[in-house]
Amino acid sequence: MATTRERIMGRDIEFNIDNLDELSFNRVVNFVNEQWIEVKKENFNVPDTQKIAALTAVKIAAELLKLRDLQESISNNYDKKIRDLIRQLDESDYAN
């Protein structure tokens, strides 16, 4: 089991990184820390770090869901276009 210790959201935490290469993991850590700092700046009057952590998690989750919805919409659009093209090809075969 590959583990590493990183500083994230101001705390040293040990992580199991079996499913990620080191570069990907470092990108994740940097992204989370950037979001943490941004949320902390937006909520400077909130001293509770657990609340800041929860707000950060919600912000990241909202962004993830927005991207998933966009991906689904694009996928559905391509599926429709492919079905339309197949239908047009089938219709042209019948015309010949």
C-alpha atoms as a PDB file:
ATOM      1  CA  MET A   1       0.000   0.000   0.000  1.00  0.00           C
ATOM      2  CA  ALA A   2       1.543   3.288  -1.118  1.00  0.00           C
ATOM      3  CA  THR A   3       0.979   6.138   1.285  1.00  0.00           C
ATOM      4  CA  THR A   4       2.165   9.698   1.502  1.00  0.00           C
ATOM      5  CA  ARG A   5       1.816  12.509   3.979  1.00  0.00           C
ATOM      6  CA  GLU A   6       0.754  15.884   2.612  1.00  0.00           C
ATOM      7  CA  ARG A   7      -0.295  19.205   4.050  1.00  0.00           C
ATOM      8  CA  ILE A   8      -3.837  19.887   2.941  1.00  0.00           C
ATOM      9  CA  MET A   9      -6.164  22.562   4.247  1.00  0.00           C
ATOM     10  CA  GLY A  10      -3.573  23.425   6.875  1.00  0.00           C
ATOM     11  CA  ARG A  11      -3.244  19.903   8.301  1.00  0.00           C
ATOM     12  CA  ASP A  12      -0.771  17.077   7.773  1.00  0.00           C
ATOM     13  CA  ILE A  13      -2.738  14.063   6.547  1.00  0.00           C
ATOM     14  CA  GLU A  14      -1.587  10.615   5.476  1.00  0.00           C
ATOM     15  CA  PHE A  15      -3.143   9.403   2.233  1.00  0.00           C
ATOM     16  CA  ASN A  16      -3.336   6.039   0.493  1.00  0.00           C
ATOM     17  CA  ILE A  17      -2.316   6.805  -3.095  1.00  0.00           C
ATOM     18  CA  ASP A  18      -2.531   3.330  -4.648  1.00  0.00           C
ATOM     19  CA  ASN A  19      -5.027   4.571  -7.251  1.00  0.00           C
ATOM     20  CA  LEU A  20      -3.153   7.739  -8.269  1.00  0.00           C
ATOM     21  CA  ASP A  21       0.257   8.454  -9.662  1.00  0.00           C
ATOM     22  CA  GLU A  22       2.276  11.037  -7.765  1.00  0.00           C
ATOM     23  CA  LEU A  23       1.752  13.809 -10.320  1.00  0.00           C
ATOM     24  CA  SER A  24      -2.027  13.343 -10.326  1.00  0.00           C
ATOM     25  CA  PHE A  25      -2.100  13.245  -6.539  1.00  0.00           C
ATOM     26  CA  ASN A  26      -0.073  16.455  -6.308  1.00  0.00           C
ATOM     27  CA  ARG A  27      -2.511  18.131  -8.711  1.00  0.00           C
ATOM     28  CA  VAL A  28      -5.415  17.041  -6.491  1.00  0.00           C
ATOM     29  CA  VAL A  29      -3.702  18.339  -3.342  1.00  0.00           C
ATOM     30  CA  ASN A  30      -2.895  21.662  -5.017  1.00  0.00           C
ATOM     31  CA  PHE A  31      -6.445  22.018  -6.315  1.00  0.00           C
ATOM     32  CA  VAL A  32      -7.986  21.317  -2.901  1.00  0.00           C
ATOM     33  CA  ASN A  33      -5.606  23.747  -1.215  1.00  0.00           C
ATOM     34  CA  GLU A  34      -6.386  26.444  -3.802  1.00  0.00           C
ATOM     35  CA  GLN A  35     -10.125  25.959  -3.261  1.00  0.00           C
ATOM     36  CA  TRP A  36      -9.597  26.016   0.515  1.00  0.00           C
ATOM     37  CA  ILE A  37      -7.750  29.339   0.306  1.00  0.00           C
ATOM     38  CA  GLU A  38     -10.422  30.815  -1.966  1.00  0.00           C
ATOM     39  CA  VAL A  39     -13.287  29.729   0.316  1.00  0.00           C
ATOM     40  CA  LYS A  40     -11.363  30.971   3.351  1.00  0.00           C
ATOM     41  CA  LYS A  41     -10.925  34.403   1.715  1.00  0.00           C
ATOM     42  CA  GLU A  42     -14.625  34.544   0.765  1.00  0.00           C
ATOM     43  CA  ASN A  43     -15.594  33.625   4.355  1.00  0.00           C
ATOM     44  CA  PHE A  44     -12.929  35.537   6.281  1.00  0.00           C
ATOM     45  CA  ASN A  45     -15.353  36.089   9.163  1.00  0.00           C
ATOM     46  CA  VAL A  46     -15.795  32.315   9.722  1.00  0.00           C
ATOM     47  CA  PRO A  47     -13.163  31.095  12.210  1.00  0.00           C
ATOM     48  CA  ASP A  48     -14.387  27.475  12.255  1.00  0.00           C
ATOM     49  CA  THR A  49     -12.035  25.436  10.038  1.00  0.00           C
ATOM     50  CA  GLN A  50     -14.496  22.531   9.898  1.00  0.00           C
ATOM     51  CA  LYS A  51     -17.096  24.846   8.404  1.00  0.00           C
ATOM     52  CA  ILE A  52     -14.526  26.150   5.891  1.00  0.00           C
ATOM     53  CA  ALA A  53     -13.665  22.535   5.029  1.00  0.00           C
ATOM     54  CA  ALA A  54     -17.356  21.725   4.527  1.00  0.00           C
ATOM     55  CA  LEU A  55     -17.841  24.821   2.356  1.00  0.00           C
ATOM     56  CA  THR A  56     -14.779  23.823   0.330  1.00  0.00           C
ATOM     57  CA  ALA A  57     -16.153  20.298  -0.162  1.00  0.00           C
ATOM     58  CA  VAL A  58     -19.512  21.700  -1.281  1.00  0.00           C
ATOM     59  CA  LYS A  59     -17.807  24.079  -3.721  1.00  0.00           C
ATOM     60  CA  ILE A  60     -15.740  21.265  -5.253  1.00  0.00           C
ATOM     61  CA  ALA A  61     -18.769  18.944  -5.404  1.00  0.00           C
ATOM     62  CA  ALA A  62     -20.873  21.644  -7.095  1.00  0.00           C
ATOM     63  CA  GLU A  63     -18.151  22.145  -9.710  1.00  0.00           C
ATOM     64  CA  LEU A  64     -17.902  18.384 -10.274  1.00  0.00           C
ATOM     65  CA  LEU A  65     -21.663  18.032 -10.716  1.00  0.00           C
ATOM     66  CA  LYS A  66     -21.752  20.982 -13.107  1.00  0.00           C
ATOM     67  CA  LEU A  67     -19.045  19.326 -15.230  1.00  0.00           C
ATOM     68  CA  ARG A  68     -20.853  15.976 -15.119  1.00  0.00           C
ATOM     69  CA  ASP A  69     -24.077  17.617 -16.291  1.00  0.00           C
ATOM     70  CA  LEU A  70     -22.205  19.337 -19.108  1.00  0.00           C
ATOM     71  CA  GLN A  71     -20.545  16.068 -20.117  1.00  0.00           C
ATOM     72  CA  GLU A  72     -23.919  14.282 -20.101  1.00  0.00           C
ATOM     73  CA  SER A  73     -25.486  17.029 -22.190  1.00  0.00           C
ATOM     74  CA  ILE A  74     -22.658  16.861 -24.742  1.00  0.00           C
ATOM     75  CA  SER A  75     -22.862  13.069 -24.829  1.00  0.00           C
ATOM     76  CA  ASN A  76     -26.630  13.155 -25.347  1.00  0.00           C
ATOM     77  CA  ASN A  77     -26.216  15.720 -28.118  1.00  0.00           C
ATOM     78  CA  TYR A  78     -23.653  13.531 -29.916  1.00  0.00           C
ATOM     79  CA  ASP A  79     -25.847  10.454 -29.483  1.00  0.00           C
ATOM     80  CA  LYS A  80     -28.775  12.295 -31.075  1.00  0.00           C
ATOM     81  CA  LYS A  81     -26.629  13.490 -33.976  1.00  0.00           C
ATOM     82  CA  ILE A  82     -25.282   9.972 -34.558  1.00  0.00           C
ATOM     83  CA  ARG A  83     -28.807   8.500 -34.553  1.00  0.00           C
ATOM     84  CA  ASP A  84     -29.921  11.205 -36.996  1.00  0.00           C
ATOM     85  CA  LEU A  85     -27.000  10.450 -39.316  1.00  0.00           C
ATOM     86  CA  ILE A  86     -27.697   6.714 -39.172  1.00  0.00           C
ATOM     87  CA  ARG A  87     -31.364   7.377 -39.968  1.00  0.00           C
ATOM     88  CA  GLN A  88     -30.367   9.591 -42.912  1.00  0.00           C
ATOM     89  CA  LEU A  89     -27.992   6.923 -44.211  1.00  0.00           C
ATOM     90  CA  ASP A  90     -30.684   4.266 -43.888  1.00  0.00           C
ATOM     91  CA  GLU A  91     -33.173   6.488 -45.723  1.00  0.00           C
ATOM     92  CA  SER A  92     -30.690   7.146 -48.513  1.00  0.00           C
ATOM     93  CA  ASP A  93     -30.130   3.388 -48.910  1.00  0.00           C
ATOM     94  CA  TYR A  94     -33.869   2.896 -49.398  1.00  0.00           C
ATOM     95  CA  ALA A  95     -33.998   5.696 -51.968  1.00  0.00           C
ATOM     96  CA  ASN A  96     -31.371   3.963 -54.112  1.00  0.00           C
END
